[in-house]
PDB file of N, CA and C in Angstrom:
ATOM      1  N   MET A   1     -28.559  -0.086 -36.234  1.00  0.00           N
ATOM      2  CA  MET A   1     -29.528   0.895 -35.625  1.00  0.00           C
ATOM      3  C   MET A   1     -29.011   2.283 -36.024  1.00  0.00           C
ATOM      4  N   VAL A   2     -29.810   3.107 -36.650  1.00  0.00           N
ATOM      5  CA  VAL A   2     -29.363   4.454 -36.996  1.00  0.00           C
ATOM      6  C   VAL A   2     -29.927   5.482 -36.040  1.00  0.00           C
ATOM      7  N   VAL A   3     -29.263   6.341 -35.443  1.00  0.00           N
ATOM      8  CA  VAL A   3     -29.759   7.298 -34.441  1.00  0.00           C
ATOM      9  C   VAL A   3     -29.928   8.666 -35.306  1.00  0.00           C
ATOM     10  N   PRO A   4     -31.206   9.140 -35.199  1.00  0.00           N
ATOM     11  CA  PRO A   4     -31.417  10.559 -35.818  1.00  0.00           C
ATOM     12  C   PRO A   4     -30.526  11.445 -35.194  1.00  0.00           C
ATOM     13  N   PRO A   5     -30.192  12.640 -36.026  1.00  0.00           N
ATOM     14  CA  PRO A   5     -29.289  13.600 -35.530  1.00  0.00           C
ATOM     15  C   PRO A   5     -29.740  14.451 -34.394  1.00  0.00           C
ATOM     16  N   ASN A   6     -31.017  14.635 -34.225  1.00  0.00           N
ATOM     17  CA  ASN A   6     -31.606  15.462 -33.107  1.00  0.00           C
ATOM     18  C   ASN A   6     -31.973  14.595 -31.913  1.00  0.00           C
ATOM     19  N   PHE A   7     -31.524  13.233 -31.856  1.00  0.00           N
ATOM     20  CA  PHE A   7     -31.857  12.453 -30.718  1.00  0.00           C
ATOM     21  C   PHE A   7     -30.916  12.828 -29.538  1.00  0.00           C
ATOM     22  N   ALA A   8     -31.558  12.993 -28.295  1.00  0.00           N
ATOM     23  CA  ALA A   8     -30.806  13.205 -27.134  1.00  0.00           C
ATOM     24  C   ALA A   8     -31.006  12.170 -26.182  1.00  0.00           C
ATOM     25  N   LEU A   9     -29.954  11.781 -25.495  1.00  0.00           N
ATOM     26  CA  LEU A   9     -29.979  10.722 -24.489  1.00  0.00           C
ATOM     27  C   LEU A   9     -30.874  11.208 -23.252  1.00  0.00           C
ATOM     28  N   PRO A  10     -31.634  10.282 -22.670  1.00  0.00           N
ATOM     29  CA  PRO A  10     -32.348  10.722 -21.534  1.00  0.00           C
ATOM     30  C   PRO A  10     -31.379  11.024 -20.262  1.00  0.00           C
ATOM     31  N   VAL A  11     -31.828  12.214 -19.608  1.00  0.00           N
ATOM     32  CA  VAL A  11     -30.907  12.583 -18.481  1.00  0.00           C
ATOM     33  C   VAL A  11     -31.707  12.402 -17.304  1.00  0.00           C
ATOM     34  N   SER A  12     -31.125  11.811 -16.172  1.00  0.00           N
ATOM     35  CA  SER A  12     -31.866  11.760 -14.933  1.00  0.00           C
ATOM     36  C   SER A  12     -31.059  12.383 -13.899  1.00  0.00           C
ATOM     37  N   ASN A  13     -31.572  12.908 -12.912  1.00  0.00           N
ATOM     38  CA  ASN A  13     -30.933  13.583 -11.735  1.00  0.00           C
ATOM     39  C   ASN A  13     -30.893  12.546 -10.710  1.00  0.00           C
ATOM     40  N   ARG A  14     -29.762  12.406 -10.098  1.00  0.00           N
ATOM     41  CA  ARG A  14     -29.429  11.525  -9.072  1.00  0.00           C
ATOM     42  C   ARG A  14     -28.929  12.182  -7.845  1.00  0.00           C
ATOM     43  N   THR A  15     -28.862  11.658  -6.606  1.00  0.00           N
ATOM     44  CA  THR A  15     -28.180  12.045  -5.485  1.00  0.00           C
ATOM     45  C   THR A  15     -26.985  11.232  -5.270  1.00  0.00           C
ATOM     46  N   CYS A  16     -25.777  11.965  -5.092  1.00  0.00           N
ATOM     47  CA  CYS A  16     -24.591  11.106  -4.834  1.00  0.00           C
ATOM     48  C   CYS A  16     -24.652  10.323  -3.616  1.00  0.00           C
ATOM     49  N   ALA A  17     -24.180   8.997  -3.647  1.00  0.00           N
ATOM     50  CA  ALA A  17     -24.208   8.043  -2.541  1.00  0.00           C
ATOM     51  C   ALA A  17     -23.194   8.480  -1.529  1.00  0.00           C
ATOM     52  N   ARG A  18     -22.198   9.193  -1.875  1.00  0.00           N
ATOM     53  CA  ARG A  18     -21.185   9.678  -0.946  1.00  0.00           C
ATOM     54  C   ARG A  18     -21.348  11.083  -0.341  1.00  0.00           C
ATOM     55  N   CYS A  19     -21.625  11.951  -1.152  1.00  0.00           N
ATOM     56  CA  CYS A  19     -21.645  13.289  -0.526  1.00  0.00           C
ATOM     57  C   CYS A  19     -23.108  13.882  -0.575  1.00  0.00           C
ATOM     58  N   GLY A  20     -24.067  13.305  -1.184  1.00  0.00           N
ATOM     59  CA  GLY A  20     -25.421  13.829  -1.129  1.00  0.00           C
ATOM     60  C   GLY A  20     -25.744  14.912  -2.191  1.00  0.00           C
ATOM     61  N   GLU A  21     -24.835  15.293  -2.963  1.00  0.00           N
ATOM     62  CA  GLU A  21     -25.050  16.352  -3.983  1.00  0.00           C
ATOM     63  C   GLU A  21     -25.870  15.737  -5.094  1.00  0.00           C
ATOM     64  N   HIS A  22     -26.597  16.602  -5.773  1.00  0.00           N
ATOM     65  CA  HIS A  22     -27.393  16.209  -6.979  1.00  0.00           C
ATOM     66  C   HIS A  22     -26.624  16.416  -8.143  1.00  0.00           C
ATOM     67  N   PHE A  23     -26.714  15.427  -9.097  1.00  0.00           N
ATOM     68  CA  PHE A  23     -25.950  15.558 -10.265  1.00  0.00           C
ATOM     69  C   PHE A  23     -26.600  14.732 -11.424  1.00  0.00           C
ATOM     70  N   ALA A  24     -26.435  15.242 -12.632  1.00  0.00           N
ATOM     71  CA  ALA A  24     -27.205  14.630 -13.880  1.00  0.00           C
ATOM     72  C   ALA A  24     -26.410  13.454 -14.337  1.00  0.00           C
ATOM     73  N   THR A  25     -27.062  12.443 -14.754  1.00  0.00           N
ATOM     74  CA  THR A  25     -26.406  11.161 -15.253  1.00  0.00           C
ATOM     75  C   THR A  25     -27.088  10.731 -16.482  1.00  0.00           C
ATOM     76  N   PHE A  26     -26.418   9.972 -17.243  1.00  0.00           N
ATOM     77  CA  PHE A  26     -26.951   9.355 -18.397  1.00  0.00           C
ATOM     78  C   PHE A  26     -27.082   7.892 -18.175  1.00  0.00           C
ATOM     79  N   GLY A  27     -26.457   7.329 -17.150  1.00  0.00           N
ATOM     80  CA  GLY A  27     -26.540   5.963 -17.132  1.00  0.00           C
ATOM     81  C   GLY A  27     -26.809   5.507 -15.565  1.00  0.00           C
ATOM     82  N   ARG A  28     -26.056   4.568 -15.152  1.00  0.00           N
ATOM     83  CA  ARG A  28     -26.297   3.900 -13.747  1.00  0.00           C
ATOM     84  C   ARG A  28     -25.319   4.490 -12.755  1.00  0.00           C
ATOM     85  N   GLU A  29     -24.791   5.747 -12.985  1.00  0.00           N
ATOM     86  CA  GLU A  29     -23.829   6.164 -11.950  1.00  0.00           C
ATOM     87  C   GLU A  29     -24.550   6.536 -10.709  1.00  0.00           C
ATOM     88  N   TYR A  30     -23.920   6.127  -9.541  1.00  0.00           N
ATOM     89  CA  TYR A  30     -24.446   6.435  -8.291  1.00  0.00           C
ATOM     90  C   TYR A  30     -23.613   7.480  -7.394  1.00  0.00           C
ATOM     91  N   ILE A  31     -22.459   7.718  -8.087  1.00  0.00           N
ATOM     92  CA  ILE A  31     -21.465   8.614  -7.363  1.00  0.00           C
ATOM     93  C   ILE A  31     -21.134   9.826  -8.334  1.00  0.00           C
ATOM     94  N   CYS A  32     -21.214  11.083  -7.852  1.00  0.00           N
ATOM     95  CA  CYS A  32     -20.921  12.185  -8.700  1.00  0.00           C
ATOM     96  C   CYS A  32     -19.513  12.187  -9.159  1.00  0.00           C
ATOM     97  N   PRO A  33     -19.282  13.032 -10.180  1.00  0.00           N
ATOM     98  CA  PRO A  33     -17.840  12.976 -10.754  1.00  0.00           C
ATOM     99  C   PRO A  33     -16.880  13.508  -9.702  1.00  0.00           C
ATOM    100  N   THR A  34     -17.207  14.377  -8.777  1.00  0.00           N
ATOM    101  CA  THR A  34     -16.157  14.838  -7.859  1.00  0.00           C
ATOM    102  C   THR A  34     -15.828  13.615  -6.868  1.00  0.00           C
ATOM    103  N   CYS A  35     -16.784  12.884  -6.509  1.00  0.00           N
ATOM    104  CA  CYS A  35     -16.521  11.806  -5.502  1.00  0.00           C
ATOM    105  C   CYS A  35     -15.885  10.614  -6.210  1.00  0.00           C
ATOM    106  N   HIS A  36     -15.978  10.491  -7.526  1.00  0.00           N
ATOM    107  CA  HIS A  36     -15.554   9.343  -8.299  1.00  0.00           C
ATOM    108  C   HIS A  36     -14.025   9.280  -8.476  1.00  0.00           C
ATOM    109  N   LYS A  37     -13.335  10.468  -8.185  1.00  0.00           N
ATOM    110  CA  LYS A  37     -11.937  10.414  -8.112  1.00  0.00           C
ATOM    111  C   LYS A  37     -11.332   9.346  -7.253  1.00  0.00           C
ATOM    112  N   PRO A  38     -10.329   8.592  -7.685  1.00  0.00           N
ATOM    113  CA  PRO A  38      -9.684   7.653  -6.707  1.00  0.00           C
ATOM    114  C   PRO A  38      -9.110   8.263  -5.516  1.00  0.00           C
ATOM    115  N   ARG A  39      -9.309   7.616  -4.429  1.00  0.00           N
ATOM    116  CA  ARG A  39      -8.726   7.897  -3.188  1.00  0.00           C
ATOM    117  C   ARG A  39      -7.306   7.739  -3.058  1.00  0.00           C
ATOM    118  N   ARG A  40      -6.464   8.573  -2.366  1.00  0.00           N
ATOM    119  CA  ARG A  40      -5.083   8.318  -2.352  1.00  0.00           C
ATOM    120  C   ARG A  40      -4.904   7.325  -1.113  1.00  0.00           C
ATOM    121  N   VAL A  41      -3.944   6.426  -1.526  1.00  0.00           N
ATOM    122  CA  VAL A  41      -3.674   5.337  -0.465  1.00  0.00           C
ATOM    123  C   VAL A  41      -2.198   5.566  -0.086  1.00  0.00           C
ATOM    124  N   ALA A  42      -2.008   5.489   1.303  1.00  0.00           N
ATOM    125  CA  ALA A  42      -0.511   5.575   1.719  1.00  0.00           C
ATOM    126  C   ALA A  42       0.104   4.376   1.324  1.00  0.00           C
ATOM    127  N   ARG A  43       1.327   4.582   0.511  1.00  0.00           N
ATOM    128  CA  ARG A  43       2.087   3.483   0.154  1.00  0.00           C
ATOM    129  C   ARG A  43       3.009   2.793   1.196  1.00  0.00           C
ATOM    130  N   GLN A  44       3.490   3.647   2.004  1.00  0.00           N
ATOM    131  CA  GLN A  44       4.568   3.228   2.967  1.00  0.00           C
ATOM    132  C   GLN A  44       4.138   3.443   4.414  1.00  0.00           C
ATOM    133  N   PRO A  45       3.717   2.423   5.161  1.00  0.00           N
ATOM    134  CA  PRO A  45       3.395   2.620   6.554  1.00  0.00           C
ATOM    135  C   PRO A  45       4.606   2.997   7.302  1.00  0.00           C
ATOM    136  N   ALA A  46       4.387   3.860   8.276  1.00  0.00           N
ATOM    137  CA  ALA A  46       5.551   4.288   9.176  1.00  0.00           C
ATOM    138  C   ALA A  46       6.016   3.154  10.099  1.00  0.00           C
ATOM    139  N   MET A  47       7.401   3.055  10.128  1.00  0.00           N
ATOM    140  CA  MET A  47       7.935   2.087  10.997  1.00  0.00           C
ATOM    141  C   MET A  47       7.746   2.488  12.494  1.00  0.00           C
ATOM    142  N   PRO A  48       7.588   1.435  13.255  1.00  0.00           N
ATOM    143  CA  PRO A  48       7.470   1.755  14.727  1.00  0.00           C
ATOM    144  C   PRO A  48       8.700   2.519  15.244  1.00  0.00           C
ATOM    145  N   ASP A  49       8.581   3.211  16.238  1.00  0.00           N
ATOM    146  CA  ASP A  49       9.613   3.923  16.894  1.00  0.00           C
ATOM    147  C   ASP A  49      10.626   3.089  17.571  1.00  0.00           C
ATOM    148  N   ASN A  50      10.262   1.791  17.975  1.00  0.00           N
ATOM    149  CA  ASN A  50      11.128   0.958  18.767  1.00  0.00           C
ATOM    150  C   ASN A  50      12.174   0.190  17.848  1.00  0.00           C
ATOM    151  N   ILE A  51      12.278   0.518  16.445  1.00  0.00           N
ATOM    152  CA  ILE A  51      13.227  -0.032  15.690  1.00  0.00           C
ATOM    153  C   ILE A  51      14.447   0.730  15.827  1.00  0.00           C
ATOM    154  N   SER A  52      15.507  -0.089  16.070  1.00  0.00           N
ATOM    155  CA  SER A  52      16.820   0.620  16.159  1.00  0.00           C
ATOM    156  C   SER A  52      17.437   0.877  14.791  1.00  0.00           C
ATOM    157  N   PRO A  53      18.413   1.759  14.686  1.00  0.00           N
ATOM    158  CA  PRO A  53      19.084   1.988  13.458  1.00  0.00           C
ATOM    159  C   PRO A  53      19.713   0.779  12.923  1.00  0.00           C
ATOM    160  N   ARG A  54      20.415  -0.055  13.716  1.00  0.00           N
ATOM    161  CA  ARG A  54      20.954  -1.275  13.192  1.00  0.00           C
ATOM    162  C   ARG A  54      19.882  -2.276  12.683  1.00  0.00           C
ATOM    163  N   GLU A  55      18.834  -2.401  13.401  1.00  0.00           N
ATOM    164  CA  GLU A  55      17.590  -3.151  12.927  1.00  0.00           C
ATOM    165  C   GLU A  55      17.081  -2.701  11.545  1.00  0.00           C
ATOM    166  N   GLN A  56      17.083  -1.360  11.366  1.00  0.00           N
ATOM    167  CA  GLN A  56      16.749  -0.807  10.191  1.00  0.00           C
ATOM    168  C   GLN A  56      17.533  -1.131   9.022  1.00  0.00           C
ATOM    169  N   GLN A  57      18.923  -1.225   9.313  1.00  0.00           N
ATOM    170  CA  GLN A  57      19.937  -1.574   8.200  1.00  0.00           C
ATOM    171  C   GLN A  57      19.622  -3.051   7.906  1.00  0.00           C
ATOM    172  N   VAL A  58      19.348  -3.894   8.871  1.00  0.00           N
ATOM    173  CA  VAL A  58      19.005  -5.276   8.518  1.00  0.00           C
ATOM    174  C   VAL A  58      17.784  -5.420   7.737  1.00  0.00           C
ATOM    175  N   ILE A  59      16.764  -4.619   7.996  1.00  0.00           N
ATOM    176  CA  ILE A  59      15.515  -4.630   7.307  1.00  0.00           C
ATOM    177  C   ILE A  59      15.734  -4.165   5.828  1.00  0.00           C
ATOM    178  N   ASP A  60      16.623  -3.157   5.631  1.00  0.00           N
ATOM    179  CA  ASP A  60      16.838  -2.631   4.349  1.00  0.00           C
ATOM    180  C   ASP A  60      17.569  -3.720   3.439  1.00  0.00           C
ATOM    181  N   LEU A  61      18.482  -4.394   4.144  1.00  0.00           N
ATOM    182  CA  LEU A  61      19.211  -5.482   3.395  1.00  0.00           C
ATOM    183  C   LEU A  61      18.324  -6.615   2.993  1.00  0.00           C
ATOM    184  N   VAL A  62      17.267  -6.988   3.936  1.00  0.00           N
ATOM    185  CA  VAL A  62      16.425  -8.009   3.664  1.00  0.00           C
ATOM    186  C   VAL A  62      15.573  -7.652   2.505  1.00  0.00           C
ATOM    187  N   ARG A  63      15.145  -6.328   2.366  1.00  0.00           N
ATOM    188  CA  ARG A  63      14.365  -5.927   1.282  1.00  0.00           C
ATOM    189  C   ARG A  63      15.045  -5.973  -0.036  1.00  0.00           C
ATOM    190  N   LEU A  64      16.428  -5.822  -0.044  1.00  0.00           N
ATOM    191  CA  LEU A  64      17.183  -6.066  -1.152  1.00  0.00           C
ATOM    192  C   LEU A  64      17.398  -7.538  -1.611  1.00  0.00           C
ATOM    193  N   GLY A  65      16.862  -8.487  -0.721  1.00  0.00           N
ATOM    194  CA  GLY A  65      16.930  -9.920  -1.047  1.00  0.00           C
ATOM    195  C   GLY A  65      18.196 -10.572  -0.694  1.00  0.00           C
ATOM    196  N   LYS A  66      18.921  -9.902   0.162  1.00  0.00           N
ATOM    197  CA  LYS A  66      20.271 -10.573   0.733  1.00  0.00           C
ATOM    198  C   LYS A  66      19.885 -11.653   1.732  1.00  0.00           C
ATOM    199  N   ALA A  67      20.815 -12.677   1.606  1.00  0.00           N
ATOM    200  CA  ALA A  67      20.798 -13.741   2.590  1.00  0.00           C
ATOM    201  C   ALA A  67      21.417 -13.358   3.892  1.00  0.00           C
ATOM    202  N   ASN A  68      21.253 -14.142   4.950  1.00  0.00           N
ATOM    203  CA  ASN A  68      21.771 -13.927   6.295  1.00  0.00           C
ATOM    204  C   ASN A  68      23.281 -13.750   6.091  1.00  0.00           C
ATOM    205  N   LYS A  69      23.842 -14.605   5.535  1.00  0.00           N
ATOM    206  CA  LYS A  69      25.335 -14.641   5.317  1.00  0.00           C
ATOM    207  C   LYS A  69      25.788 -13.299   4.753  1.00  0.00           C
ATOM    208  N   ALA A  70      25.196 -12.909   3.682  1.00  0.00           N
ATOM    209  CA  ALA A  70      25.505 -11.689   2.970  1.00  0.00           C
ATOM    210  C   ALA A  70      25.270 -10.398   3.834  1.00  0.00           C
ATOM    211  N   ILE A  71      24.154 -10.472   4.564  1.00  0.00           N
ATOM    212  CA  ILE A  71      23.910  -9.351   5.516  1.00  0.00           C
ATOM    213  C   ILE A  71      24.938  -9.390   6.708  1.00  0.00           C
ATOM    214  N   ALA A  72      25.385 -10.420   7.150  1.00  0.00           N
ATOM    215  CA  ALA A  72      26.448 -10.457   8.187  1.00  0.00           C
ATOM    216  C   ALA A  72      27.775  -9.922   7.627  1.00  0.00           C
ATOM    217  N   TYR A  73      28.045 -10.269   6.501  1.00  0.00           N
ATOM    218  CA  TYR A  73      29.377  -9.891   5.802  1.00  0.00           C
ATOM    219  C   TYR A  73      29.348  -8.251   5.633  1.00  0.00           C
ATOM    220  N   GLU A  74      28.141  -7.780   5.138  1.00  0.00           N
ATOM    221  CA  GLU A  74      28.164  -6.391   4.942  1.00  0.00           C
ATOM    222  C   GLU A  74      28.104  -5.585   6.211  1.00  0.00           C
ATOM    223  N   LEU A  75      27.472  -6.019   7.255  1.00  0.00           N
ATOM    224  CA  LEU A  75      27.438  -5.357   8.472  1.00  0.00           C
ATOM    225  C   LEU A  75      28.415  -5.680   9.413  1.00  0.00           C
ATOM    226  N   CYS A  76      29.450  -6.633   9.101  1.00  0.00           N
ATOM    227  CA  CYS A  76      30.423  -7.012   9.985  1.00  0.00           C
ATOM    228  C   CYS A  76      29.927  -7.624  11.326  1.00  0.00           C
ATOM    229  N   LEU A  77      28.932  -8.671  11.045  1.00  0.00           N
ATOM    230  CA  LEU A  77      28.366  -9.349  12.210  1.00  0.00           C
ATOM    231  C   LEU A  77      28.486 -10.802  11.957  1.00  0.00           C
ATOM    232  N   THR A  78      28.126 -11.643  12.886  1.00  0.00           N
ATOM    233  CA  THR A  78      28.035 -13.040  12.678  1.00  0.00           C
ATOM    234  C   THR A  78      26.608 -13.490  12.109  1.00  0.00           C
ATOM    235  N   GLU A  79      26.594 -14.516  11.525  1.00  0.00           N
ATOM    236  CA  GLU A  79      25.282 -15.032  11.063  1.00  0.00           C
ATOM    237  C   GLU A  79      24.272 -15.240  12.049  1.00  0.00           C
ATOM    238  N   GLY A  80      24.837 -15.715  13.280  1.00  0.00           N
ATOM    239  CA  GLY A  80      23.842 -15.769  14.383  1.00  0.00           C
ATOM    240  C   GLY A  80      23.289 -14.523  14.935  1.00  0.00           C
ATOM    241  N   THR A  81      24.022 -13.447  14.921  1.00  0.00           N
ATOM    242  CA  THR A  81      23.663 -12.178  15.305  1.00  0.00           C
ATOM    243  C   THR A  81      22.493 -11.629  14.280  1.00  0.00           C
ATOM    244  N   VAL A  82      22.668 -11.924  13.033  1.00  0.00           N
ATOM    245  CA  VAL A  82      21.630 -11.388  11.992  1.00  0.00           C
ATOM    246  C   VAL A  82      20.455 -12.115  12.283  1.00  0.00           C
ATOM    247  N   LYS A  83      20.574 -13.472  12.650  1.00  0.00           N
ATOM    248  CA  LYS A  83      19.265 -14.217  12.927  1.00  0.00           C
ATOM    249  C   LYS A  83      18.593 -13.802  14.192  1.00  0.00           C
ATOM    250  N   GLU A  84      19.263 -13.402  15.114  1.00  0.00           N
ATOM    251  CA  GLU A  84      18.750 -12.705  16.302  1.00  0.00           C
ATOM    252  C   GLU A  84      18.052 -11.352  15.974  1.00  0.00           C
ATOM    253  N   TYR A  85      18.722 -10.557  15.225  1.00  0.00           N
ATOM    254  CA  TYR A  85      18.031  -9.288  14.804  1.00  0.00           C
ATOM    255  C   TYR A  85      16.769  -9.543  14.049  1.00  0.00           C
ATOM    256  N   LEU A  86      16.916 -10.557  13.129  1.00  0.00           N
ATOM    257  CA  LEU A  86      15.591 -10.860  12.432  1.00  0.00           C
ATOM    258  C   LEU A  86      14.419 -11.387  13.294  1.00  0.00           C
ATOM    259  N   PHE A  87      14.817 -12.232  14.256  1.00  0.00           N
ATOM    260  CA  PHE A  87      13.892 -12.674  15.240  1.00  0.00           C
ATOM    261  C   PHE A  87      13.238 -11.540  16.034  1.00  0.00           C
ATOM    262  N   ARG A  88      14.012 -10.432  16.544  1.00  0.00           N
ATOM    263  CA  ARG A  88      13.464  -9.372  17.228  1.00  0.00           C
ATOM    264  C   ARG A  88      12.563  -8.497  16.230  1.00  0.00           C
ATOM    265  N   ILE A  89      12.991  -8.297  15.038  1.00  0.00           N
ATOM    266  CA  ILE A  89      12.367  -7.453  14.036  1.00  0.00           C
ATOM    267  C   ILE A  89      10.973  -8.139  13.850  1.00  0.00           C
ATOM    268  N   PHE A  90      10.983  -9.444  13.621  1.00  0.00           N
ATOM    269  CA  PHE A  90       9.775 -10.141  13.256  1.00  0.00           C
ATOM    270  C   PHE A  90       8.752  -9.942  14.441  1.00  0.00           C
ATOM    271  N   LYS A  91       9.226 -10.039  15.633  1.00  0.00           N
ATOM    272  CA  LYS A  91       8.433  -9.897  16.808  1.00  0.00           C
ATOM    273  C   LYS A  91       7.850  -8.398  16.913  1.00  0.00           C
ATOM    274  N   LYS A  92       8.733  -7.423  16.744  1.00  0.00           N
ATOM    275  CA  LYS A  92       8.291  -6.068  16.831  1.00  0.00           C
ATOM    276  C   LYS A  92       7.263  -5.688  15.817  1.00  0.00           C
ATOM    277  N   LEU A  93       7.518  -6.158  14.546  1.00  0.00           N
ATOM    278  CA  LEU A  93       6.668  -5.785  13.399  1.00  0.00           C
ATOM    279  C   LEU A  93       5.480  -6.654  13.288  1.00  0.00           C
ATOM    280  N   ASN A  94       5.427  -7.770  14.012  1.00  0.00           N
ATOM    281  CA  ASN A  94       4.355  -8.745  13.951  1.00  0.00           C
ATOM    282  C   ASN A  94       4.240  -9.343  12.521  1.00  0.00           C
ATOM    283  N   VAL A  95       5.390  -9.798  12.055  1.00  0.00           N
ATOM    284  CA  VAL A  95       5.436 -10.516  10.730  1.00  0.00           C
ATOM    285  C   VAL A  95       5.852 -11.857  11.022  1.00  0.00           C
ATOM    286  N   GLY A  96       5.708 -12.694   9.927  1.00  0.00           N
ATOM    287  CA  GLY A  96       5.997 -14.123  10.117  1.00  0.00           C
ATOM    288  C   GLY A  96       7.326 -14.665   9.383  1.00  0.00           C
ATOM    289  N   ASN A  97       7.674 -13.861   8.297  1.00  0.00           N
ATOM    290  CA  ASN A  97       8.769 -14.296   7.581  1.00  0.00           C
ATOM    291  C   ASN A  97       9.396 -13.020   6.804  1.00  0.00           C
ATOM    292  N   ARG A  98      10.497 -13.326   6.038  1.00  0.00           N
ATOM    293  CA  ARG A  98      11.237 -12.279   5.369  1.00  0.00           C
ATOM    294  C   ARG A  98      10.375 -11.591   4.286  1.00  0.00           C
ATOM    295  N   THR A  99       9.540 -12.368   3.601  1.00  0.00           N
ATOM    296  CA  THR A  99       8.767 -11.880   2.563  1.00  0.00           C
ATOM    297  C   THR A  99       7.666 -10.882   3.196  1.00  0.00           C
ATOM    298  N   GLU A 100       7.109 -11.077   4.160  1.00  0.00           N
ATOM    299  CA  GLU A 100       6.198 -10.129   4.828  1.00  0.00           C
ATOM    300  C   GLU A 100       7.000  -8.882   5.277  1.00  0.00           C
ATOM    301  N   LEU A 101       8.102  -9.164   5.721  1.00  0.00           N
ATOM    302  CA  LEU A 101       8.989  -8.061   6.104  1.00  0.00           C
ATOM    303  C   LEU A 101       9.345  -7.074   4.957  1.00  0.00           C
ATOM    304  N   ALA A 102       9.678  -7.694   3.794  1.00  0.00           N
ATOM    305  CA  ALA A 102      10.051  -6.917   2.673  1.00  0.00           C
ATOM    306  C   ALA A 102       8.904  -6.221   2.118  1.00  0.00           C
ATOM    307  N   ILE A 103       7.628  -6.785   2.191  1.00  0.00           N
ATOM    308  CA  ILE A 103       6.378  -6.192   1.599  1.00  0.00           C
ATOM    309  C   ILE A 103       6.042  -5.136   2.562  1.00  0.00           C
ATOM    310  N   LEU A 104       6.226  -5.311   3.886  1.00  0.00           N
ATOM    311  CA  LEU A 104       5.606  -4.295   4.743  1.00  0.00           C
ATOM    312  C   LEU A 104       5.984  -2.874   4.486  1.00  0.00           C
ATOM    313  N   GLY A 105       7.225  -2.498   4.145  1.00  0.00           N
ATOM    314  CA  GLY A 105       7.506  -1.088   3.924  1.00  0.00           C
ATOM    315  C   GLY A 105       7.337  -0.612   2.578  1.00  0.00           C
ATOM    316  N   ARG A 106       6.858  -1.382   1.647  1.00  0.00           N
ATOM    317  CA  ARG A 106       6.805  -0.900   0.282  1.00  0.00           C
ATOM    318  C   ARG A 106       5.483  -0.199  -0.008  1.00  0.00           C
TER     319      ARG A 106
END
């Protein structure tokens, strides 16, 4: 199909579905160019205030993929104490496992 040089696309005026402004469109757009910009999403949710500094250290090491034994060695704790910290952290942050804990803060 050959398009003649003086051919113009049909322009229609629409009302933006988000802000209500009128804008010109050539196709099926329902949102104006101003509203079409992606919204910013907060990447890191804030940790609750009831997380102690020691619990935060355990969380940081879990995010690095460390096992309980390695966390215990690095923080000079017993493995049972690390398990107890993790139990409390899971309860406070309402997560079920280490993977959810690691993903929560990213």
